[in-house]
Each structure stands twice: as C-alpha cells, then as structure tokens.
Protein backbone atom coordinates (compact mmCIF):
# COMPACT_ATOMS: atom_id res chain seq x y z
CA UNK A 1 -22.41 32.63 20.27
CA UNK A 2 -18.95 32.42 18.72
CA UNK A 3 -18.00 29.08 17.22
CA UNK A 4 -14.75 29.18 19.19
CA UNK A 5 -16.67 29.04 22.48
CA UNK A 6 -18.69 25.93 21.64
CA UNK A 7 -18.06 22.72 23.61
CA UNK A 8 -15.98 20.08 21.85
CA UNK A 9 -18.89 17.68 21.24
CA UNK A 10 -21.05 20.39 19.65
CA UNK A 11 -18.10 21.60 17.61
CA UNK A 12 -17.39 18.10 16.29
CA UNK A 13 -21.06 17.72 15.32
CA UNK A 14 -20.94 20.93 13.28
CA UNK A 15 -17.61 20.14 11.66
CA UNK A 16 -18.81 16.68 10.66
CA UNK A 17 -21.31 18.28 8.30
CA UNK A 18 -20.34 18.90 4.68
CA UNK A 19 -18.19 22.03 4.93
CA UNK A 20 -15.88 23.10 2.14
CA UNK A 21 -12.14 23.05 2.75
CA UNK A 22 -11.76 26.84 2.54
CA UNK A 23 -14.27 27.37 5.35
CA UNK A 24 -12.60 24.70 7.46
CA UNK A 25 -9.28 26.42 6.97
CA UNK A 26 -10.81 29.76 7.99
CA UNK A 27 -12.23 28.20 11.16
CA UNK A 28 -8.86 26.63 11.95
CA UNK A 29 -7.18 30.03 11.89
CA UNK A 30 -9.49 31.48 14.56
CA UNK A 31 -7.57 30.03 17.48
CA UNK A 32 -4.98 27.42 18.42
CA UNK A 33 -7.77 25.27 19.88
CA UNK A 34 -9.64 25.33 16.57
CA UNK A 35 -6.41 24.58 14.72
CA UNK A 36 -5.73 21.60 16.99
CA UNK A 37 -9.22 20.17 16.41
CA UNK A 38 -9.82 20.90 12.73
CA UNK A 39 -6.55 20.35 10.92
CA UNK A 40 -5.64 16.80 11.93
CA UNK A 41 -9.23 15.53 12.09
CA UNK A 42 -11.13 17.31 9.32
CA UNK A 43 -8.73 18.97 6.92
CA UNK A 44 -5.93 16.50 6.33
CA UNK A 45 -7.87 14.73 3.56
CA UNK A 46 -8.40 17.91 1.53
CA UNK A 47 -4.96 18.34 -0.04
CA UNK A 48 -5.12 18.71 -3.81
CA UNK A 49 -2.35 20.08 -6.02
CA UNK A 50 -3.67 20.96 -9.46
CA UNK A 51 -0.30 21.90 -10.92
CA UNK A 52 3.13 21.03 -9.45
CA UNK A 53 4.43 24.43 -10.52
CA UNK A 54 2.15 25.94 -7.89
CA UNK A 55 4.41 24.48 -5.23
CA UNK A 56 7.03 27.10 -6.07
CA UNK A 57 4.64 29.88 -5.14
CA UNK A 58 1.41 29.58 -3.18
CA UNK A 59 0.00 26.10 -3.63
CA UNK A 60 -2.72 24.81 -1.35
CA UNK A 61 -0.19 22.54 0.31
CA UNK A 62 2.20 25.34 1.18
CA UNK A 63 -0.67 27.58 2.27
CA UNK A 64 -1.94 24.74 4.41
CA UNK A 65 1.43 24.33 6.12
CA UNK A 66 2.00 28.07 6.53
CA UNK A 67 -1.22 28.33 8.55
CA UNK A 68 0.34 26.24 11.29
CA UNK A 69 3.09 27.32 13.62
CA UNK A 70 6.61 26.28 12.71
CA UNK A 71 6.89 24.05 15.76
CA UNK A 72 3.77 22.10 14.82
CA UNK A 73 4.43 21.86 11.07
CA UNK A 74 6.22 18.45 11.02
CA UNK A 75 3.53 16.82 13.15
CA UNK A 76 0.75 18.34 11.06
CA UNK A 77 2.43 17.23 7.84
CA UNK A 78 2.64 13.71 9.21
CA UNK A 79 -1.10 13.79 9.93
CA UNK A 80 -2.02 14.21 6.24
CA UNK A 81 -3.68 11.03 5.00
CA UNK A 82 -4.73 11.86 1.42
CA UNK A 83 -3.08 13.73 -1.41
CA UNK A 84 -4.17 14.22 -5.02
CA UNK A 85 -1.75 15.63 -7.58
CA UNK A 86 -2.86 16.59 -11.09
CA UNK A 87 -0.03 17.69 -13.37
CA UNK A 88 -1.96 19.25 -16.22
CA UNK A 89 1.07 21.05 -17.57
CA UNK A 90 4.81 20.50 -17.81
CA UNK A 91 5.80 19.70 -14.20
CA UNK A 92 9.51 20.45 -14.62
CA UNK A 93 9.27 23.43 -12.29
CA UNK A 94 8.63 22.69 -8.68
CA UNK A 95 8.14 18.94 -8.93
CA UNK A 96 11.13 18.39 -6.66
CA UNK A 97 9.07 20.09 -3.96
CA UNK A 98 6.50 17.29 -4.26
CA UNK A 99 9.21 14.76 -3.53
CA UNK A 100 10.32 16.75 -0.49
CA UNK A 101 6.72 16.95 0.74
CA UNK A 102 6.23 13.22 0.30
CA UNK A 103 9.23 12.50 2.47
CA UNK A 104 7.42 14.20 5.38
CA UNK A 105 3.96 12.70 4.71
CA UNK A 106 4.88 9.24 5.91
CA UNK A 107 1.32 8.48 7.13
CA UNK A 108 -0.37 8.86 3.73
CA UNK A 109 -3.21 6.41 3.16
CA UNK A 110 -4.56 7.57 -0.20
CA UNK A 111 -2.56 8.84 -3.18
CA UNK A 112 -3.84 9.88 -6.61
CA UNK A 113 -1.37 11.13 -9.23
CA UNK A 114 -2.20 12.10 -12.82
CA UNK A 115 -0.23 11.65 -15.01
CA UNK A 116 2.16 9.56 -12.95
CA UNK A 117 4.76 8.85 -15.64
CA UNK A 118 5.21 12.58 -16.29
CA UNK A 119 6.06 13.21 -12.65
CA UNK A 120 8.38 10.22 -12.51
CA UNK A 121 10.29 11.56 -15.51
CA UNK A 122 11.34 14.70 -13.63
CA UNK A 123 11.22 13.27 -10.09
CA UNK A 124 12.67 9.71 -10.17
CA UNK A 125 12.22 9.40 -6.38
CA UNK A 126 8.44 9.19 -6.68
CA UNK A 127 8.06 5.37 -6.99
CA UNK A 128 10.50 4.81 -4.12
CA UNK A 129 8.65 7.35 -1.98
CA UNK A 130 5.38 5.54 -2.64
CA UNK A 131 7.01 2.23 -1.74
CA UNK A 132 8.13 3.73 1.58
CA UNK A 133 4.54 4.52 2.62
CA UNK A 134 3.81 1.68 5.01
CA UNK A 135 0.14 2.65 5.47
CA UNK A 136 -0.76 3.19 1.80
CA UNK A 137 -4.14 1.56 1.10
CA UNK A 138 -5.57 3.52 -1.83
CA UNK A 139 -3.49 4.07 -4.99
CA UNK A 140 -4.77 5.73 -8.17
CA UNK A 141 -2.25 6.28 -10.98
CA UNK A 142 -3.15 7.78 -14.37
CA UNK A 143 -0.73 7.64 -17.27
CA UNK A 144 0.14 9.10 -20.63
CA UNK A 145 2.05 6.89 -23.06
CA UNK A 146 4.32 4.11 -21.86
CA UNK A 147 4.27 3.24 -18.20
CA UNK A 148 5.79 -0.16 -17.55
CA UNK A 149 9.01 1.08 -15.98
CA UNK A 150 6.90 2.92 -13.39
CA UNK A 151 4.88 -0.17 -12.50
CA UNK A 152 8.01 -2.30 -12.20
CA UNK A 153 9.10 -0.12 -9.29
CA UNK A 154 5.75 -0.49 -7.49
CA UNK A 155 5.04 -4.19 -7.87
CA UNK A 156 6.09 -5.03 -4.30
CA UNK A 157 3.34 -3.02 -2.58
CA UNK A 158 1.59 -5.41 -0.22
CA UNK A 159 -1.24 -3.60 1.60
CA UNK A 160 -3.37 -2.02 -1.15
CA UNK A 161 -7.13 -2.10 -0.70
CA UNK A 162 -7.93 0.03 -3.74
CA UNK A 163 -5.94 0.02 -6.99
CA UNK A 164 -6.73 2.05 -10.09
CA UNK A 165 -4.50 2.04 -13.16
CA UNK A 166 -5.79 4.11 -16.06
CA UNK A 167 -5.29 6.80 -18.65
CA UNK A 168 -4.78 10.45 -17.85
CA UNK A 169 -7.53 11.62 -20.21
CA UNK A 170 -9.77 10.27 -22.98
CA UNK A 171 -7.34 11.78 -25.49
CA UNK A 172 -4.72 9.23 -24.44
CA UNK A 173 -6.73 6.25 -25.69
CA UNK A 174 -6.25 2.90 -24.06
CA UNK A 175 -2.66 2.28 -23.08
CA UNK A 176 -1.18 -0.95 -24.44
CA UNK A 177 1.02 -2.88 -22.06
CA UNK A 178 3.16 -5.36 -23.94
CA UNK A 179 3.24 -8.93 -22.64
CA UNK A 180 6.81 -8.80 -21.27
CA UNK A 181 5.72 -6.07 -18.89
CA UNK A 182 2.39 -7.61 -17.90
CA UNK A 183 3.81 -9.35 -14.79
CA UNK A 184 4.45 -5.99 -13.09
CA UNK A 185 0.72 -5.33 -12.76
CA UNK A 186 0.05 -8.99 -12.01
CA UNK A 187 2.54 -8.83 -9.15
CA UNK A 188 0.87 -5.71 -7.75
CA UNK A 189 -2.45 -7.56 -7.75
CA UNK A 190 -1.00 -10.74 -6.25
CA UNK A 191 1.14 -9.11 -3.56
CA UNK A 192 -1.92 -7.28 -2.18
CA UNK A 193 -4.21 -10.29 -2.59
CA UNK A 194 -5.18 -10.45 1.09
CA UNK A 195 -6.24 -6.80 1.28
CA UNK A 196 -7.59 -5.75 -2.15
CA UNK A 197 -11.26 -4.75 -2.14
CA UNK A 198 -11.51 -2.76 -5.34
CA UNK A 199 -9.68 -3.08 -8.68
CA UNK A 200 -10.04 -0.69 -11.63
CA UNK A 201 -7.84 -1.45 -14.65
CA UNK A 202 -8.42 0.80 -17.66
CA UNK A 203 -5.55 -0.36 -19.85
CA UNK A 204 -5.32 -3.03 -22.50
CA UNK A 205 -3.14 -5.75 -21.05
CA UNK A 206 -2.98 -9.51 -21.25
CA UNK A 207 -3.18 -10.63 -17.63
CA UNK A 208 -2.64 -14.26 -16.69
CA UNK A 209 -6.01 -14.87 -15.04
CA UNK A 210 -5.10 -18.42 -14.02
CA UNK A 211 -2.17 -17.01 -12.07
CA UNK A 212 -4.25 -14.24 -10.53
CA UNK A 213 -7.14 -16.39 -9.36
CA UNK A 214 -5.56 -19.65 -8.28
CA UNK A 215 -4.27 -20.05 -4.75
CA UNK A 216 -1.76 -22.87 -4.66
CA UNK A 217 -2.15 -23.24 -0.89
CA UNK A 218 -5.88 -23.97 -1.06
CA UNK A 219 -7.45 -27.20 -2.28
CA UNK A 220 -10.77 -25.53 -3.03
CA UNK A 221 -9.50 -23.09 -5.63
CA UNK A 222 -9.84 -20.03 -3.43
CA UNK A 223 -9.86 -16.63 -5.06
CA UNK A 224 -6.54 -14.87 -4.86
CA UNK A 225 -8.49 -11.70 -3.89
CA UNK A 226 -10.69 -13.17 -1.14
CA UNK A 227 -12.23 -9.81 -0.14
CA UNK A 228 -12.75 -8.27 -3.60
CA UNK A 229 -16.13 -6.63 -4.14
CA UNK A 230 -15.43 -4.43 -7.19
CA UNK A 231 -13.75 -5.58 -10.39
CA UNK A 232 -13.64 -3.05 -13.22
CA UNK A 233 -11.61 -4.04 -16.28
CA UNK A 234 -11.61 -2.36 -19.68
CA UNK A 235 -10.95 -5.45 -21.77
CA UNK A 236 -12.67 -5.65 -25.13
CA UNK A 237 -12.03 -8.93 -26.96
CA UNK A 238 -13.42 -7.54 -30.22
CA UNK A 239 -10.21 -5.56 -30.75
CA UNK A 240 -8.40 -7.48 -33.50
CA UNK A 241 -4.89 -6.26 -32.71
CA UNK A 242 -4.83 -7.46 -29.10
CA UNK A 243 -4.09 -10.88 -27.71
CA UNK A 244 -6.55 -11.08 -24.84
CA UNK A 245 -7.01 -14.85 -24.71
CA UNK A 246 -5.73 -14.90 -21.13
CA UNK A 247 -7.18 -11.62 -19.96
CA UNK A 248 -10.35 -12.33 -17.97
CA UNK A 249 -12.41 -15.48 -18.10
CA UNK A 250 -15.48 -16.56 -19.97
CA UNK A 251 -17.55 -19.40 -18.58
CA UNK A 252 -15.52 -21.91 -20.61
CA UNK A 253 -12.25 -20.53 -19.24
CA UNK A 254 -13.28 -21.00 -15.62
CA UNK A 255 -12.73 -24.76 -15.77
CA UNK A 256 -9.13 -24.82 -14.46
CA UNK A 257 -10.10 -22.48 -11.62
CA UNK A 258 -13.53 -23.63 -10.48
CA UNK A 259 -14.47 -27.33 -10.29
CA UNK A 260 -17.17 -28.04 -12.85
CA UNK A 261 -19.31 -29.80 -10.27
CA UNK A 262 -19.56 -26.49 -8.42
CA UNK A 263 -21.21 -24.97 -11.47
CA UNK A 264 -23.55 -27.94 -11.86
CA UNK A 265 -24.52 -27.94 -8.18
CA UNK A 266 -24.94 -24.16 -8.01
CA UNK A 267 -22.36 -23.80 -5.23
CA UNK A 268 -21.07 -20.31 -4.49
CA UNK A 269 -17.42 -20.16 -5.42
CA UNK A 270 -14.82 -18.34 -3.30
CA UNK A 271 -13.96 -16.67 -6.60
CA UNK A 272 -17.04 -14.48 -6.31
CA UNK A 273 -17.98 -14.73 -2.64
CA UNK A 274 -17.88 -10.94 -2.11
CA UNK A 275 -18.01 -9.65 -5.71
CA UNK A 276 -20.87 -7.17 -6.10
CA UNK A 277 -19.76 -4.65 -8.73
CA UNK A 278 -18.41 -5.75 -12.11
CA UNK A 279 -17.34 -3.81 -15.19
CA UNK A 280 -16.26 -6.28 -17.85
CA UNK A 281 -17.35 -8.20 -20.94
CA UNK A 282 -20.66 -10.02 -21.17
CA UNK A 283 -18.94 -13.43 -21.21
CA UNK A 284 -17.08 -12.57 -18.02
CA UNK A 285 -20.31 -11.46 -16.34
CA UNK A 286 -22.11 -14.66 -17.32
CA UNK A 287 -19.14 -16.70 -16.11
CA UNK A 288 -19.25 -14.97 -12.74
CA UNK A 289 -23.02 -15.46 -12.42
CA UNK A 290 -22.67 -19.14 -13.32
CA UNK A 291 -20.48 -19.75 -10.27
CA UNK A 292 -22.67 -17.89 -7.83
CA UNK A 293 -21.77 -14.19 -8.04
CA UNK A 294 -24.40 -11.98 -6.40
CA UNK A 295 -23.74 -8.94 -8.58
CA UNK A 296 -25.55 -5.73 -7.67
CA UNK A 297 -24.14 -3.46 -10.38
CA UNK A 298 -22.99 -4.53 -13.83
CA UNK A 299 -21.58 -2.56 -16.75
CA UNK A 300 -21.12 -4.55 -19.94
CA UNK A 301 -18.30 -3.43 -22.24
CA UNK A 302 -18.90 -5.49 -25.39
CA UNK A 303 -19.23 -3.52 -28.61
CA UNK A 304 -21.17 -5.08 -30.22
CA UNK A 305 -22.86 -7.57 -27.91
CA UNK A 306 -21.96 -11.23 -28.55
CA UNK A 307 -24.22 -13.40 -30.70
CA UNK A 308 -25.41 -15.47 -27.73
CA UNK A 309 -26.50 -12.45 -25.70
CA UNK A 310 -30.25 -13.07 -26.08
CA UNK A 311 -29.90 -16.76 -25.22
CA UNK A 312 -27.92 -15.85 -22.10
CA UNK A 313 -30.74 -13.57 -20.96
CA UNK A 314 -33.07 -16.57 -21.00
CA UNK A 315 -30.66 -19.11 -19.47
CA UNK A 316 -29.16 -17.10 -16.61
CA UNK A 317 -30.54 -14.89 -13.88
CA UNK A 318 -29.17 -12.16 -11.65
CA UNK A 319 -31.76 -11.75 -8.88
CA UNK A 320 -29.52 -9.41 -6.85
CA UNK A 321 -28.77 -7.06 -9.77
CA UNK A 322 -30.05 -3.51 -9.20
CA UNK A 323 -28.07 -1.45 -11.74
CA UNK A 324 -27.28 -2.41 -15.35
CA UNK A 325 -25.44 -0.48 -18.07
CA UNK A 326 -25.36 -2.25 -21.40
CA UNK A 327 -24.16 -1.30 -24.87
CA UNK A 328 -24.81 -1.63 -27.69
CA UNK A 329 -28.21 -2.91 -28.81
CA UNK A 330 -28.67 -2.71 -32.56
CA UNK A 331 -31.82 -2.67 -34.65
CA UNK A 332 -30.40 -5.74 -36.38
CA UNK A 333 -30.90 -7.82 -33.22
CA UNK A 334 -34.34 -6.56 -32.26
CA UNK A 335 -36.18 -9.74 -33.24
CA UNK A 336 -34.16 -12.00 -30.94
CA UNK A 337 -34.11 -9.88 -27.77
CA UNK A 338 -35.62 -11.18 -24.55
CA UNK A 339 -37.10 -9.10 -21.71
CA UNK A 340 -34.57 -8.00 -19.12
CA UNK A 341 -37.14 -8.93 -16.47
CA UNK A 342 -36.34 -12.60 -17.12
CA UNK A 343 -32.65 -11.98 -16.43
CA UNK A 344 -32.72 -9.37 -13.65
CA UNK A 345 -36.24 -9.10 -12.20
CA UNK A 346 -35.31 -6.56 -9.50
CA UNK A 347 -33.53 -3.89 -11.57
CA UNK A 348 -34.09 -0.35 -10.32
CA UNK A 349 -31.78 1.45 -12.79
CA UNK A 350 -30.88 0.62 -16.37
CA UNK A 351 -28.78 2.47 -18.95
CA UNK A 352 -29.13 1.13 -22.50
CA UNK A 353 -27.17 2.45 -25.48
CA UNK A 354 -28.78 1.83 -28.85
CA UNK A 355 -27.46 1.91 -32.42
CA UNK A 356 -30.74 2.33 -34.27
CA UNK A 357 -31.38 2.47 -38.01
CA UNK A 358 -35.06 1.59 -38.24
CA UNK A 359 -38.28 3.48 -37.60
CA UNK A 360 -39.32 5.05 -34.32
CA UNK A 361 -42.18 2.56 -33.99
CA UNK A 362 -39.72 -0.33 -34.23
CA UNK A 363 -37.59 1.29 -31.55
CA UNK A 364 -40.54 1.75 -29.19
CA UNK A 365 -41.60 -1.86 -29.76
CA UNK A 366 -38.10 -3.11 -28.92
CA UNK A 367 -37.89 -0.88 -25.86
CA UNK A 368 -41.22 -2.27 -24.67
CA UNK A 369 -39.89 -5.82 -25.00
CA UNK A 370 -36.76 -5.01 -23.02
CA UNK A 371 -38.14 -3.08 -20.04
CA UNK A 372 -41.66 -4.41 -19.57
CA UNK A 373 -42.14 -5.89 -16.12
CA UNK A 374 -39.10 -4.23 -14.54
CA UNK A 375 -39.53 -2.33 -11.23
CA UNK A 376 -37.35 0.53 -12.48
CA UNK A 377 -36.94 3.81 -10.65
CA UNK A 378 -34.72 5.38 -13.31
CA UNK A 379 -34.00 4.66 -16.95
CA UNK A 380 -31.30 6.21 -19.16
CA UNK A 381 -31.49 5.73 -22.93
CA UNK A 382 -28.83 6.71 -25.45
CA UNK A 383 -29.98 6.46 -29.07
CA UNK A 384 -27.52 7.04 -31.88
CA UNK A 385 -26.55 5.75 -35.32
CA UNK A 386 -23.61 3.57 -36.28
CA UNK A 387 -20.47 5.70 -36.33
CA UNK A 388 -18.85 3.62 -39.05
CA UNK A 389 -21.38 4.95 -41.57
CA UNK A 390 -19.50 8.22 -41.58
CA UNK A 391 -22.58 10.28 -40.75
CA UNK A 392 -22.13 13.00 -38.18
CA UNK A 393 -25.77 13.98 -37.87
CA UNK A 394 -29.17 12.43 -38.42
CA UNK A 395 -30.59 15.56 -40.04
CA UNK A 396 -31.67 15.37 -43.69
CA UNK A 397 -31.03 11.63 -43.88
CA UNK A 398 -34.33 10.08 -45.07
CA UNK A 399 -33.79 6.61 -43.61
CA UNK A 400 -32.45 7.84 -40.28
CA UNK A 401 -35.29 7.80 -37.72
CA UNK A 402 -36.28 10.97 -35.91
CA UNK A 403 -37.07 10.00 -32.33
CA UNK A 404 -39.71 11.81 -30.33
CA UNK A 405 -38.56 12.55 -26.81
CA UNK A 406 -42.16 12.95 -25.66
CA UNK A 407 -43.27 9.59 -27.09
CA UNK A 408 -40.44 7.74 -25.38
CA UNK A 409 -41.20 9.34 -22.01
CA UNK A 410 -44.90 8.62 -22.39
CA UNK A 411 -44.21 4.97 -23.26
CA UNK A 412 -41.87 4.18 -20.37
CA UNK A 413 -44.09 6.04 -17.91
CA UNK A 414 -47.08 3.93 -18.93
CA UNK A 415 -45.06 0.68 -18.91
CA UNK A 416 -43.35 1.17 -15.53
CA UNK A 417 -45.56 2.42 -12.67
CA UNK A 418 -42.57 2.69 -10.32
CA UNK A 419 -40.62 4.99 -12.66
CA UNK A 420 -39.35 8.22 -11.11
CA UNK A 421 -36.96 9.59 -13.72
CA UNK A 422 -35.93 9.32 -17.35
CA UNK A 423 -32.86 10.56 -19.17
CA UNK A 424 -32.74 10.41 -22.96
CA UNK A 425 -29.79 11.24 -25.22
CA UNK A 426 -31.04 11.49 -28.80
CA UNK A 427 -29.14 11.85 -32.04
CA UNK A 428 -30.99 14.98 -33.11
CA UNK A 429 -30.61 16.72 -29.73
CA UNK A 430 -27.75 19.09 -29.03
CA UNK A 431 -28.11 18.34 -25.32
CA UNK A 432 -29.48 15.65 -23.05
CA UNK A 433 -32.95 15.84 -21.56
CA UNK A 434 -34.38 14.36 -18.42
CA UNK A 435 -37.76 14.08 -16.77
CA UNK A 436 -38.70 13.39 -13.15
CA UNK A 437 -42.19 12.33 -12.22
CA UNK A 438 -42.03 13.39 -8.56
CA UNK A 439 -41.58 17.09 -9.25
CA UNK A 440 -43.06 17.20 -12.75
CA UNK A 441 -39.77 18.48 -14.11
CA UNK A 442 -39.02 18.32 -17.82
CA UNK A 443 -35.84 19.24 -19.62
CA UNK A 444 -33.07 21.00 -17.78
CA UNK A 445 -29.40 20.15 -17.36
CA UNK A 446 -28.50 16.47 -17.50
CA UNK A 447 -26.25 16.69 -14.44
CA UNK A 448 -29.38 17.02 -12.28
CA UNK A 449 -30.38 13.52 -13.35
CA UNK A 450 -26.94 12.16 -12.48
CA UNK A 451 -27.04 13.88 -9.09
CA UNK A 452 -30.37 12.22 -8.31
CA UNK A 453 -29.02 8.78 -9.26
CA UNK A 454 -25.98 9.28 -7.05
CA UNK A 455 -28.16 10.48 -4.17
CA UNK A 456 -30.20 7.28 -4.43
CA UNK A 457 -27.04 5.16 -4.50
CA UNK A 458 -27.75 3.84 -8.00
CA UNK A 459 -24.85 5.38 -9.88
CA UNK A 460 -21.31 6.03 -8.71
CA UNK A 461 -18.02 6.20 -10.53
CA UNK A 462 -16.34 4.39 -7.69
CA UNK A 463 -19.02 2.16 -6.32
CA UNK A 464 -17.67 1.09 -3.00
CA UNK A 465 -14.66 3.13 -1.94
CA UNK A 466 -13.36 2.30 1.50
CA UNK A 467 -12.64 4.70 4.33
CA UNK A 468 -8.92 4.47 4.95
CA UNK A 469 -8.56 6.97 7.78
C-alpha cells in the first residue's frame, strides 16, 4: 500500500516516529495532501542553516521553500517555529537573506544563532527582528569576543522560557562582560521573570543577585523566576581577576533574600520551589539545599573544591539528587573525604574527576570511601594529573601512578551490586573505555556510554527543554 493512500490517523502515527528531515521532505513532495500534512506539522522545526553563504545558492531553507507552491510559500514560511543558524565562516555574503527570511517567519518560537555578534555586524537588523517576534520563547545566542551592544538591544524581551548566553566555541574562552554592561543581561532575566524555566549563562559576568532574586511586590521574598527549574551558571570564584562577589549566592549571602528563620525551620523557600537542575559552585549548591531545594541533577564547577567540602558532605543532604558531576578531587584531600552516600543516598549516576598523584592503591581506597553504599547504575571516572606541573603525559614519570582499568572496574562492580555501566578516562589511555554489565561489553567507543546515559534520562546537555510548539 502506498503511503499516500493511508488514512490521516495512520499517517500521523507513522510520521510521529523518529524520521529524518530528508525523508520527511521526500514524503511531502509526493502529493499536495502529503505536503499539507507534513510541512506545517512535522517539518517546520527542522530548519538549520550551517553557513549563511548557503542562502545565496541552495541552502536548506531555500530548498524547503522551493518545494512548496508559490501561492502557499508565505503561509508555509509563517508556520516555521524553529530556526538554527551557525555561521562558521565569514557571513558577509548572503547574510542579508537571513534578515529577509526572518521578516517572514513572524511565528518563530525557538531561535539559535552562533556566533550572534558576527551576524549582527553585517546584518544590524537582527536584534530588532528578534525583538519583533511576539511568540519567541527559546533563545540561544553564542558569541565571539565582545557582545554587550547586542544584548542591550534585546533586554526588553518579555516572554522567554529558555535563555542561553554562551561562547561560540571552546577556543573563545569565557567572555568577560564588564560591570557597566551587566544590567543588559540582568534586564533580560528580570523582564522574563514570569516565564523563564531554564537559564544557561556561560560567560563571566558580575550579576546583581539581590536584584535578580528579590521581588519588591512580595513580602515573603519570592523568587523573581518563580517557575525556574534549571539554573546553569559558569561562575568560578577562584579566578583572581574577576569581581564575582555579587554573582550568585553562597549560604551566607542568602540572608537579605531568605529570612534566616526559614533556614532554621527547614521551610521550602520560593527561591527554589521548582529548581531541580543546577550547574554552579559548591557554595551555591549548598546554599540552595539549605533553603529547601530538591535538586535532582547537580554539576559542581569549583576547581579546586573549597576547603569545607568534606564537612558539607556530612552536614547537608540531598535526598532527591540522582545525578552528580563533581571536580576536582585531589590526592591531597583523600584523608578528609566523606562517603557520598551520607550526602546523596539515592544517586544513580556520578561523574568524578580526579587529580591524582599517589599510588593506585591509595586511589582505589579513596574511591571505595566515596562510592560505597550508593545505589549507582552508572559511574564515570576521569583520572588525570595536575596540569600546572607542566607534564603532558604520565609515561616514564616514576612517581606518576599507572592506573589499571581492569582493577577499577572490578572494584566498583564488587562494591555496587546495582551497577550497570562504567566509563573510565585514564591518563595513560589514548581513548576512553567503558564497560556494561548487562551485555558483557568491554571497551569500544565512549559515545556508546553517553548514549546509554541519555537513554536512561541520567545525562543531558539541556536537562529539561520545553516544547514550545
């Protein structure tokens, strides 16, 4: 039976399966009925432009529009909800076509542009076009170099549910935003306070946290982002050249925002009522837990961990925590470490990064202390040396330990009956290894391990993205 003759309900069931965009486009070209069903419902979210220069010739966007009759083209363009633009090269050619296309896509919900400042340089209309999108909920902007003039033009957006501000590539480093320009990002966060669910900020910037978290219209100190469930901020207070005193709070800094009696009585603060996923410093995480945050995933950014880390493990608990990524544990702190089971007794996934300079036996003893008693399904260990020693490899260095992949796997398998998979990145390995108990698989490409974690819902880059259709 031809697919074109299937009833609508059967056709929708088939098309709802994971089908690549090229196949969907091929189906859409079979008949006008297929075009009417597929393009507005299933294909509008598949627009990606890898290079603006492609718009001059045969980009996916132009090919997409050419597949539709001229009479239907404006309506179909208006049905596009998502667009992703990656300008990997000089976008001088053809970028004006992006601006023209944006003028027609007035129903866009999700926009991702990388690098945004490069496009703005040759197409100054871009910020104004974004501001004109009344239904824009998801905004991801990646930058190279200075970016504050771009953010100034976007600070009045009021309906964002997802905001990501970051660097275009690891080569860019973290982008410093000077204090005079900080309010632009603060205003973006404040103006969308009633709608924001997810915030990812990967730039060094001194944000006024008191301003961002205090609602002057509420007597109870309500969170300015009342529906926020994901907060991911790349703020590292150990950087000596940055003034981050007002960036994000430690427990001591929460006083002006949260009444101290709330902390003493264990009341759940509106500050963290919906917060489940946090990427921040250890002090920030402990501060959130102290006022009732029910975190499910936590990535700790401190490098190195603060001196009071071990004491915090004993004093605080995170019973809802299922996924933990922590760096860096040094051999110098091994004697003072406490079991993670005391802090997060229900962990199912843990990723620990070690800087290790002692023997393999010492490492295995420390690992035993940390993970014993945890109901883990997966564990990911990264073991390396201190980069500031100027050593690029552990080979032929007498005091540098040589770790046995097999011994580590054997240890964690015997310690954790629930364990299903292990990934280990060792200094003396040229590639990562993983092992899965269920299928008896050893070695192989590391991406298989990541795929399994994602399939089990334990590891995602964007933990909780909303559906903005």
